[in-house]
Amino acid sequence: MKMVMAVVNEDRLSDIINALLKNGISGITVSETRGFGNISLTQEVDASELNKKVKLEIVVSNCEFKTLAIDIIMENAHDLNHGSGKIFVYNVDEVYRIRTGERDADALR
């Protein structure tokens, strides 16, 4: 199992979520976040200057869904401006559904 985590511009969120759902990917967590990317580390940063973004976290059961989620995010978040975002992929060792006790891929259904 993999977690696809993406930090993207908020104005792209609806398109990304709708495309994920249309392609059978659900179980999406969205958080508002702020930060900055590739700026010089010697430059002082005022907290009010941090860019507003959203973070999506999606756990998928196999590599097909991982690739599909990445492709959808890339297609719907992409623009040619700096700050379009980043995608990170993590290994997920175990998943538990609290209500039923289901584990791993069964807990994702």
N, C-alpha and C. Protein backbone atom coordinates (compact mmCIF):
# COMPACT_ATOMS: atom_id res chain seq x y z
N MET A 1 0.84 -1.17 0.00
CA MET A 1 0.00 0.00 0.00
C MET A 1 0.89 1.23 0.00
N LYS A 2 0.36 2.29 -0.58
CA LYS A 2 1.11 3.55 -0.68
C LYS A 2 0.24 4.71 -0.24
N MET A 3 0.89 5.74 0.29
CA MET A 3 0.22 7.00 0.53
C MET A 3 0.76 7.99 -0.49
N VAL A 4 -0.16 8.60 -1.23
CA VAL A 4 0.19 9.68 -2.14
C VAL A 4 -0.19 10.95 -1.41
N MET A 5 0.80 11.80 -1.14
CA MET A 5 0.58 13.05 -0.45
C MET A 5 0.97 14.16 -1.42
N ALA A 6 0.08 15.11 -1.61
CA ALA A 6 0.35 16.21 -2.54
C ALA A 6 0.05 17.53 -1.85
N VAL A 7 0.90 18.51 -2.11
CA VAL A 7 0.68 19.88 -1.68
C VAL A 7 0.47 20.69 -2.94
N VAL A 8 -0.73 21.27 -3.08
CA VAL A 8 -1.11 21.95 -4.32
C VAL A 8 -1.81 23.26 -4.00
N ASN A 9 -2.02 24.05 -5.04
CA ASN A 9 -2.76 25.30 -4.90
C ASN A 9 -4.24 25.00 -4.66
N GLU A 10 -4.83 25.76 -3.76
CA GLU A 10 -6.21 25.53 -3.35
C GLU A 10 -7.20 25.64 -4.52
N ASP A 11 -6.91 26.51 -5.48
CA ASP A 11 -7.84 26.69 -6.59
C ASP A 11 -7.92 25.47 -7.52
N ARG A 12 -7.03 24.51 -7.34
CA ARG A 12 -7.04 23.28 -8.16
C ARG A 12 -7.73 22.12 -7.45
N LEU A 13 -8.11 22.31 -6.19
CA LEU A 13 -8.59 21.21 -5.36
C LEU A 13 -9.84 20.54 -5.92
N SER A 14 -10.85 21.31 -6.30
CA SER A 14 -12.11 20.71 -6.79
C SER A 14 -11.87 19.84 -8.01
N ASP A 15 -11.07 20.32 -8.95
CA ASP A 15 -10.79 19.54 -10.16
C ASP A 15 -10.09 18.23 -9.81
N ILE A 16 -9.13 18.29 -8.89
CA ILE A 16 -8.39 17.09 -8.49
C ILE A 16 -9.33 16.09 -7.83
N ILE A 17 -10.11 16.54 -6.85
CA ILE A 17 -11.00 15.63 -6.13
C ILE A 17 -12.02 15.01 -7.07
N ASN A 18 -12.63 15.81 -7.93
CA ASN A 18 -13.63 15.27 -8.86
C ASN A 18 -13.03 14.24 -9.80
N ALA A 19 -11.81 14.48 -10.29
CA ALA A 19 -11.15 13.52 -11.18
C ALA A 19 -10.79 12.24 -10.42
N LEU A 20 -10.32 12.36 -9.18
CA LEU A 20 -10.01 11.17 -8.38
C LEU A 20 -11.27 10.33 -8.18
N LEU A 21 -12.37 10.97 -7.77
CA LEU A 21 -13.61 10.25 -7.54
C LEU A 21 -14.14 9.60 -8.81
N LYS A 22 -14.04 10.31 -9.92
CA LYS A 22 -14.50 9.78 -11.20
C LYS A 22 -13.73 8.53 -11.60
N ASN A 23 -12.50 8.40 -11.12
CA ASN A 23 -11.65 7.26 -11.46
C ASN A 23 -11.59 6.22 -10.34
N GLY A 24 -12.53 6.28 -9.41
CA GLY A 24 -12.65 5.25 -8.39
C GLY A 24 -11.70 5.39 -7.21
N ILE A 25 -11.11 6.57 -7.04
CA ILE A 25 -10.22 6.78 -5.90
C ILE A 25 -10.94 7.68 -4.90
N SER A 26 -11.17 7.11 -3.71
CA SER A 26 -11.82 7.88 -2.64
C SER A 26 -10.96 7.75 -1.39
N GLY A 27 -11.50 8.17 -0.27
CA GLY A 27 -10.70 8.13 0.95
C GLY A 27 -9.61 9.18 0.92
N ILE A 28 -10.02 10.41 0.69
CA ILE A 28 -9.09 11.52 0.52
C ILE A 28 -9.16 12.43 1.75
N THR A 29 -8.03 12.72 2.34
CA THR A 29 -7.97 13.68 3.44
C THR A 29 -7.38 14.97 2.90
N VAL A 30 -8.02 16.10 3.21
CA VAL A 30 -7.55 17.40 2.75
C VAL A 30 -7.32 18.29 3.97
N SER A 31 -6.15 18.94 4.00
CA SER A 31 -5.80 19.86 5.09
C SER A 31 -5.34 21.18 4.48
N GLU A 32 -5.73 22.27 5.12
CA GLU A 32 -5.19 23.57 4.72
C GLU A 32 -3.80 23.68 5.31
N THR A 33 -2.88 24.23 4.54
CA THR A 33 -1.51 24.34 5.01
C THR A 33 -0.87 25.60 4.45
N ARG A 34 0.28 25.95 4.96
CA ARG A 34 1.03 27.11 4.46
C ARG A 34 2.49 26.72 4.42
N GLY A 35 3.22 27.32 3.50
CA GLY A 35 4.64 27.02 3.43
C GLY A 35 5.31 27.72 2.28
N PHE A 36 6.51 27.27 1.98
CA PHE A 36 7.26 27.83 0.87
C PHE A 36 8.14 26.73 0.30
N GLY A 37 8.53 26.92 -0.94
CA GLY A 37 9.34 25.93 -1.63
C GLY A 37 10.77 26.38 -1.79
N ASN A 38 11.20 26.51 -3.00
CA ASN A 38 12.61 26.76 -3.32
C ASN A 38 12.98 28.23 -3.22
N ILE A 39 13.12 28.70 -1.98
CA ILE A 39 13.66 30.04 -1.79
C ILE A 39 14.99 29.89 -1.08
N SER A 40 15.81 30.90 -1.20
CA SER A 40 17.13 30.85 -0.58
C SER A 40 16.99 30.72 0.93
N LEU A 41 17.75 29.82 1.52
CA LEU A 41 17.68 29.63 2.95
C LEU A 41 18.26 30.79 3.73
N THR A 42 19.00 31.68 3.08
CA THR A 42 19.55 32.85 3.77
C THR A 42 18.55 34.00 3.78
N GLN A 43 17.48 33.89 3.02
CA GLN A 43 16.46 34.93 2.96
C GLN A 43 15.54 34.82 4.18
N GLU A 44 15.26 35.94 4.84
CA GLU A 44 14.34 35.91 5.97
C GLU A 44 12.92 35.79 5.44
N VAL A 45 12.12 35.01 6.15
CA VAL A 45 10.73 34.79 5.75
C VAL A 45 9.83 35.23 6.88
N ASP A 46 8.88 36.09 6.57
CA ASP A 46 7.86 36.50 7.52
C ASP A 46 6.72 35.49 7.40
N ALA A 47 6.19 35.03 8.52
CA ALA A 47 5.13 34.01 8.50
C ALA A 47 3.93 34.44 7.67
N SER A 48 3.67 35.73 7.59
CA SER A 48 2.53 36.20 6.80
C SER A 48 2.76 36.04 5.30
N GLU A 49 4.00 35.80 4.90
CA GLU A 49 4.33 35.63 3.49
C GLU A 49 4.25 34.18 3.01
N LEU A 50 4.00 33.26 3.93
CA LEU A 50 3.92 31.85 3.54
C LEU A 50 2.73 31.64 2.62
N ASN A 51 2.93 30.83 1.59
CA ASN A 51 1.88 30.57 0.60
C ASN A 51 0.82 29.63 1.15
N LYS A 52 -0.44 29.96 0.92
CA LYS A 52 -1.54 29.09 1.31
C LYS A 52 -1.65 27.96 0.29
N LYS A 53 -1.72 26.74 0.78
CA LYS A 53 -1.83 25.55 -0.06
C LYS A 53 -2.82 24.59 0.60
N VAL A 54 -3.11 23.50 -0.09
CA VAL A 54 -3.85 22.40 0.50
C VAL A 54 -3.00 21.14 0.37
N LYS A 55 -3.15 20.27 1.36
CA LYS A 55 -2.43 19.00 1.34
C LYS A 55 -3.46 17.89 1.21
N LEU A 56 -3.27 17.03 0.22
CA LEU A 56 -4.12 15.86 0.03
C LEU A 56 -3.35 14.63 0.46
N GLU A 57 -4.01 13.74 1.18
CA GLU A 57 -3.42 12.46 1.56
C GLU A 57 -4.37 11.36 1.10
N ILE A 58 -3.84 10.44 0.30
CA ILE A 58 -4.64 9.38 -0.29
C ILE A 58 -3.87 8.07 -0.10
N VAL A 59 -4.47 7.10 0.57
CA VAL A 59 -3.84 5.79 0.70
C VAL A 59 -4.49 4.85 -0.31
N VAL A 60 -3.66 4.21 -1.12
CA VAL A 60 -4.15 3.31 -2.17
C VAL A 60 -3.60 1.91 -1.93
N SER A 61 -4.33 0.92 -2.44
CA SER A 61 -4.00 -0.47 -2.15
C SER A 61 -2.98 -1.07 -3.10
N ASN A 62 -2.78 -0.46 -4.28
CA ASN A 62 -1.85 -1.07 -5.24
C ASN A 62 -1.20 -0.01 -6.13
N CYS A 63 -0.22 -0.46 -6.90
CA CYS A 63 0.56 0.46 -7.74
C CYS A 63 -0.26 1.07 -8.88
N GLU A 64 -1.28 0.36 -9.35
CA GLU A 64 -2.14 0.93 -10.40
C GLU A 64 -2.84 2.18 -9.89
N PHE A 65 -3.42 2.10 -8.70
CA PHE A 65 -4.10 3.26 -8.14
C PHE A 65 -3.11 4.36 -7.77
N LYS A 66 -1.91 3.98 -7.33
CA LYS A 66 -0.88 4.98 -7.02
C LYS A 66 -0.55 5.78 -8.28
N THR A 67 -0.29 5.09 -9.37
CA THR A 67 0.05 5.75 -10.63
C THR A 67 -1.10 6.60 -11.12
N LEU A 68 -2.32 6.08 -11.02
CA LEU A 68 -3.50 6.83 -11.45
C LEU A 68 -3.66 8.10 -10.63
N ALA A 69 -3.50 7.99 -9.30
CA ALA A 69 -3.64 9.17 -8.44
C ALA A 69 -2.59 10.23 -8.78
N ILE A 70 -1.35 9.80 -9.00
CA ILE A 70 -0.29 10.74 -9.36
C ILE A 70 -0.59 11.41 -10.69
N ASP A 71 -1.00 10.63 -11.68
CA ASP A 71 -1.32 11.20 -13.00
C ASP A 71 -2.45 12.22 -12.91
N ILE A 72 -3.48 11.90 -12.13
CA ILE A 72 -4.63 12.81 -11.98
C ILE A 72 -4.19 14.11 -11.30
N ILE A 73 -3.41 13.99 -10.24
CA ILE A 73 -2.95 15.20 -9.55
C ILE A 73 -2.07 16.04 -10.46
N MET A 74 -1.14 15.39 -11.15
CA MET A 74 -0.25 16.12 -12.07
C MET A 74 -1.05 16.85 -13.14
N GLU A 75 -2.01 16.16 -13.73
CA GLU A 75 -2.81 16.75 -14.81
C GLU A 75 -3.64 17.92 -14.34
N ASN A 76 -4.21 17.81 -13.14
CA ASN A 76 -5.14 18.83 -12.67
C ASN A 76 -4.49 19.94 -11.84
N ALA A 77 -3.27 19.74 -11.38
CA ALA A 77 -2.59 20.77 -10.58
C ALA A 77 -1.53 21.51 -11.39
N HIS A 78 -1.18 20.98 -12.53
CA HIS A 78 -0.06 21.50 -13.32
C HIS A 78 -0.36 22.87 -13.90
N ASP A 79 0.57 23.76 -13.74
CA ASP A 79 0.65 24.98 -14.53
C ASP A 79 2.12 25.32 -14.64
N LEU A 80 2.46 26.33 -15.39
CA LEU A 80 3.86 26.62 -15.65
C LEU A 80 4.45 27.62 -14.67
N ASN A 81 3.70 27.96 -13.65
CA ASN A 81 4.17 28.92 -12.65
C ASN A 81 4.89 28.20 -11.51
N HIS A 82 5.82 28.92 -10.87
CA HIS A 82 6.45 28.39 -9.67
C HIS A 82 5.37 28.18 -8.61
N GLY A 83 5.53 27.17 -7.80
CA GLY A 83 4.59 26.94 -6.71
C GLY A 83 3.40 26.09 -7.06
N SER A 84 3.47 25.31 -8.14
CA SER A 84 2.35 24.43 -8.50
C SER A 84 2.17 23.31 -7.49
N GLY A 85 3.23 22.97 -6.78
CA GLY A 85 3.11 21.97 -5.73
C GLY A 85 4.10 20.83 -5.87
N LYS A 86 3.92 19.85 -5.00
CA LYS A 86 4.78 18.66 -4.97
C LYS A 86 3.91 17.45 -4.65
N ILE A 87 4.39 16.29 -5.08
CA ILE A 87 3.76 15.01 -4.74
C ILE A 87 4.82 14.15 -4.06
N PHE A 88 4.43 13.52 -2.96
CA PHE A 88 5.31 12.61 -2.22
C PHE A 88 4.62 11.26 -2.15
N VAL A 89 5.38 10.18 -2.22
CA VAL A 89 4.82 8.84 -2.12
C VAL A 89 5.52 8.11 -0.98
N TYR A 90 4.71 7.56 -0.08
CA TYR A 90 5.22 6.86 1.10
C TYR A 90 4.72 5.42 1.10
N ASN A 91 5.51 4.54 1.67
CA ASN A 91 5.05 3.18 1.93
C ASN A 91 4.13 3.21 3.15
N VAL A 92 3.06 2.42 3.10
CA VAL A 92 2.15 2.27 4.23
C VAL A 92 2.20 0.80 4.64
N ASP A 93 2.64 0.54 5.85
CA ASP A 93 2.79 -0.84 6.31
C ASP A 93 1.48 -1.48 6.70
N GLU A 94 0.62 -0.73 7.38
CA GLU A 94 -0.64 -1.30 7.86
C GLU A 94 -1.72 -0.23 7.88
N VAL A 95 -2.96 -0.67 7.69
CA VAL A 95 -4.13 0.20 7.80
C VAL A 95 -5.18 -0.57 8.59
N TYR A 96 -5.87 0.12 9.49
CA TYR A 96 -6.94 -0.49 10.27
C TYR A 96 -8.18 0.38 10.19
N ARG A 97 -9.32 -0.23 9.94
CA ARG A 97 -10.59 0.49 10.03
C ARG A 97 -11.06 0.32 11.48
N ILE A 98 -11.16 1.41 12.19
CA ILE A 98 -11.47 1.36 13.62
C ILE A 98 -12.83 0.73 13.88
N ARG A 99 -13.82 1.10 13.10
CA ARG A 99 -15.19 0.63 13.35
C ARG A 99 -15.32 -0.88 13.26
N THR A 100 -14.70 -1.51 12.22
CA THR A 100 -14.93 -2.94 11.97
C THR A 100 -13.72 -3.82 12.30
N GLY A 101 -12.57 -3.21 12.45
CA GLY A 101 -11.37 -3.99 12.69
C GLY A 101 -10.73 -4.53 11.42
N GLU A 102 -11.29 -4.20 10.27
CA GLU A 102 -10.70 -4.64 9.00
C GLU A 102 -9.29 -4.09 8.88
N ARG A 103 -8.47 -4.84 8.15
CA ARG A 103 -7.06 -4.47 8.02
C ARG A 103 -6.67 -4.32 6.55
N ASP A 104 -5.66 -3.51 6.35
CA ASP A 104 -4.96 -3.34 5.07
C ASP A 104 -5.92 -3.05 3.92
N ALA A 105 -5.83 -3.77 2.81
CA ALA A 105 -6.64 -3.45 1.63
C ALA A 105 -8.14 -3.50 1.94
N ASP A 106 -8.55 -4.43 2.82
CA ASP A 106 -9.98 -4.50 3.19
C ASP A 106 -10.42 -3.23 3.89
N ALA A 107 -9.54 -2.62 4.65
CA ALA A 107 -9.88 -1.38 5.36
C ALA A 107 -9.99 -0.19 4.43
N LEU A 108 -9.45 -0.30 3.22
CA LEU A 108 -9.50 0.81 2.27
C LEU A 108 -10.75 0.77 1.40
N ARG A 109 -11.47 -0.32 1.41
CA ARG A 109 -12.66 -0.45 0.55
C ARG A 109 -13.86 0.22 1.16
